[in-house]
Amino acid sequence: MDATGKNLTDGDFCKVIAGTHKGKSGVVRDINTSKTGQITITVVQQNGERFKTLGKNIEIN
């Protein structure tokens, strides 16, 4: 299930299923909602690398 259909919480493990970072996974951090209503999150990978993506592009595991 993607983040738009579930209550997303800080610390959830997710996999990116669409967008620039497709195939990467990590822990959800820093959840924000933009002025247009889009959910944006920071994902921290196991190696410590961080990237931002949209909530609609992830799947919660």
N, C-alpha and C. Protein backbone atom coordinates (compact mmCIF):
# COMPACT_ATOMS: atom_id res chain seq x y z
N MET A 1 0.85 -1.17 0.00
CA MET A 1 0.00 0.00 0.00
C MET A 1 0.89 1.24 0.00
N ASP A 2 0.50 2.25 -0.72
CA ASP A 2 1.30 3.48 -0.76
C ASP A 2 0.97 4.37 0.43
N ALA A 3 1.77 5.39 0.59
CA ALA A 3 1.65 6.27 1.75
C ALA A 3 0.35 7.07 1.75
N THR A 4 -0.27 7.25 0.60
CA THR A 4 -1.49 8.05 0.55
C THR A 4 -2.68 7.29 1.11
N GLY A 5 -2.61 5.97 1.18
CA GLY A 5 -3.72 5.17 1.69
C GLY A 5 -3.52 4.68 3.10
N LYS A 6 -2.44 5.08 3.75
CA LYS A 6 -2.13 4.61 5.09
C LYS A 6 -1.58 5.76 5.92
N ASN A 7 -1.77 5.70 7.22
CA ASN A 7 -1.18 6.70 8.09
C ASN A 7 0.34 6.50 8.10
N LEU A 8 1.03 7.44 7.55
CA LEU A 8 2.49 7.40 7.46
C LEU A 8 3.07 7.94 8.74
N THR A 9 4.02 7.22 9.34
CA THR A 9 4.64 7.69 10.57
C THR A 9 6.15 7.68 10.44
N ASP A 10 6.78 8.55 11.20
CA ASP A 10 8.22 8.65 11.23
C ASP A 10 8.78 7.32 11.74
N GLY A 11 9.73 6.75 11.01
CA GLY A 11 10.34 5.48 11.41
C GLY A 11 9.85 4.28 10.61
N ASP A 12 8.81 4.45 9.80
CA ASP A 12 8.33 3.35 8.95
C ASP A 12 9.39 2.99 7.92
N PHE A 13 9.48 1.71 7.58
CA PHE A 13 10.38 1.26 6.52
C PHE A 13 9.59 1.31 5.22
N CYS A 14 10.20 1.87 4.17
CA CYS A 14 9.50 2.01 2.90
C CYS A 14 10.40 1.65 1.73
N LYS A 15 9.75 1.38 0.61
CA LYS A 15 10.44 1.13 -0.66
C LYS A 15 9.88 2.11 -1.67
N VAL A 16 10.75 2.73 -2.46
CA VAL A 16 10.31 3.67 -3.48
C VAL A 16 9.92 2.88 -4.72
N ILE A 17 8.68 3.09 -5.19
CA ILE A 17 8.16 2.31 -6.32
C ILE A 17 8.02 3.13 -7.59
N ALA A 18 8.28 4.44 -7.50
CA ALA A 18 8.17 5.31 -8.69
C ALA A 18 9.07 6.52 -8.50
N GLY A 19 9.33 7.21 -9.59
CA GLY A 19 10.11 8.44 -9.52
C GLY A 19 11.60 8.23 -9.68
N THR A 20 12.35 9.26 -9.41
CA THR A 20 13.81 9.27 -9.60
C THR A 20 14.52 8.21 -8.78
N HIS A 21 14.05 7.95 -7.57
CA HIS A 21 14.73 7.04 -6.65
C HIS A 21 14.13 5.64 -6.63
N LYS A 22 13.43 5.28 -7.68
CA LYS A 22 12.76 3.97 -7.77
C LYS A 22 13.73 2.85 -7.47
N GLY A 23 13.30 1.90 -6.62
CA GLY A 23 14.12 0.75 -6.26
C GLY A 23 14.89 0.92 -4.96
N LYS A 24 15.01 2.15 -4.48
CA LYS A 24 15.71 2.38 -3.22
C LYS A 24 14.74 2.17 -2.05
N SER A 25 15.30 1.95 -0.87
CA SER A 25 14.47 1.76 0.31
C SER A 25 15.17 2.34 1.52
N GLY A 26 14.40 2.53 2.58
CA GLY A 26 14.96 3.08 3.80
C GLY A 26 13.89 3.43 4.80
N VAL A 27 14.27 4.25 5.77
CA VAL A 27 13.39 4.63 6.87
C VAL A 27 12.84 6.03 6.61
N VAL A 28 11.55 6.19 6.83
CA VAL A 28 10.88 7.48 6.62
C VAL A 28 11.27 8.45 7.73
N ARG A 29 11.64 9.67 7.34
CA ARG A 29 11.94 10.76 8.27
C ARG A 29 11.35 12.04 7.71
N ASP A 30 11.11 13.01 8.53
CA ASP A 30 10.73 14.37 8.12
C ASP A 30 9.56 14.39 7.14
N ILE A 31 8.37 14.11 7.65
CA ILE A 31 7.15 14.10 6.83
C ILE A 31 6.55 15.50 6.80
N ASN A 32 6.29 16.01 5.60
CA ASN A 32 5.70 17.34 5.44
C ASN A 32 4.56 17.29 4.43
N THR A 33 3.65 18.22 4.56
CA THR A 33 2.59 18.39 3.57
C THR A 33 2.76 19.77 2.95
N SER A 34 2.86 19.82 1.63
CA SER A 34 3.08 21.09 0.94
C SER A 34 1.78 21.90 0.87
N LYS A 35 1.89 23.11 0.39
CA LYS A 35 0.73 23.98 0.25
C LYS A 35 -0.30 23.38 -0.71
N THR A 36 0.16 22.59 -1.68
CA THR A 36 -0.74 21.98 -2.66
C THR A 36 -1.32 20.66 -2.17
N GLY A 37 -0.92 20.21 -0.98
CA GLY A 37 -1.47 18.99 -0.42
C GLY A 37 -0.63 17.74 -0.65
N GLN A 38 0.49 17.86 -1.35
CA GLN A 38 1.36 16.71 -1.59
C GLN A 38 2.14 16.37 -0.32
N ILE A 39 2.27 15.09 -0.02
CA ILE A 39 3.09 14.64 1.11
C ILE A 39 4.51 14.47 0.61
N THR A 40 5.45 15.11 1.27
CA THR A 40 6.87 14.93 0.94
C THR A 40 7.57 14.33 2.15
N ILE A 41 8.51 13.44 1.87
CA ILE A 41 9.23 12.78 2.96
C ILE A 41 10.72 12.73 2.64
N THR A 42 11.51 12.57 3.69
CA THR A 42 12.93 12.27 3.54
C THR A 42 13.09 10.80 3.88
N VAL A 43 13.82 10.08 3.04
CA VAL A 43 14.10 8.67 3.27
C VAL A 43 15.58 8.54 3.59
N VAL A 44 15.91 7.83 4.68
CA VAL A 44 17.29 7.60 5.07
C VAL A 44 17.60 6.13 4.78
N GLN A 45 18.56 5.91 3.87
CA GLN A 45 18.95 4.56 3.51
C GLN A 45 19.84 3.96 4.60
N GLN A 46 20.06 2.65 4.53
CA GLN A 46 20.86 1.94 5.52
C GLN A 46 22.29 2.49 5.59
N ASN A 47 22.83 2.96 4.46
CA ASN A 47 24.20 3.49 4.43
C ASN A 47 24.27 4.94 4.91
N GLY A 48 23.14 5.52 5.32
CA GLY A 48 23.10 6.88 5.84
C GLY A 48 22.75 7.94 4.81
N GLU A 49 22.72 7.56 3.54
CA GLU A 49 22.37 8.51 2.48
C GLU A 49 20.90 8.90 2.60
N ARG A 50 20.61 10.20 2.38
CA ARG A 50 19.25 10.72 2.47
C ARG A 50 18.80 11.22 1.11
N PHE A 51 17.50 11.10 0.86
CA PHE A 51 16.91 11.72 -0.32
C PHE A 51 15.46 12.04 -0.03
N LYS A 52 14.93 13.00 -0.77
CA LYS A 52 13.53 13.40 -0.62
C LYS A 52 12.71 12.81 -1.76
N THR A 53 11.48 12.49 -1.45
CA THR A 53 10.56 11.96 -2.46
C THR A 53 9.14 12.27 -2.05
N LEU A 54 8.20 12.05 -2.96
CA LEU A 54 6.79 12.26 -2.67
C LEU A 54 6.19 11.03 -2.02
N GLY A 55 5.25 11.24 -1.14
CA GLY A 55 4.59 10.14 -0.45
C GLY A 55 3.90 9.18 -1.40
N LYS A 56 3.41 9.68 -2.53
CA LYS A 56 2.72 8.81 -3.49
C LYS A 56 3.69 7.86 -4.20
N ASN A 57 4.99 8.10 -4.09
CA ASN A 57 5.99 7.26 -4.77
C ASN A 57 6.53 6.13 -3.91
N ILE A 58 6.01 5.98 -2.68
CA ILE A 58 6.56 4.94 -1.82
C ILE A 58 5.51 3.90 -1.45
N GLU A 59 6.02 2.76 -1.01
CA GLU A 59 5.19 1.67 -0.51
C GLU A 59 5.71 1.34 0.88
N ILE A 60 4.81 1.27 1.85
CA ILE A 60 5.21 0.98 3.22
C ILE A 60 5.32 -0.53 3.38
N ASN A 61 6.43 -0.97 3.99
CA ASN A 61 6.64 -2.40 4.23
C ASN A 61 6.41 -2.73 5.67
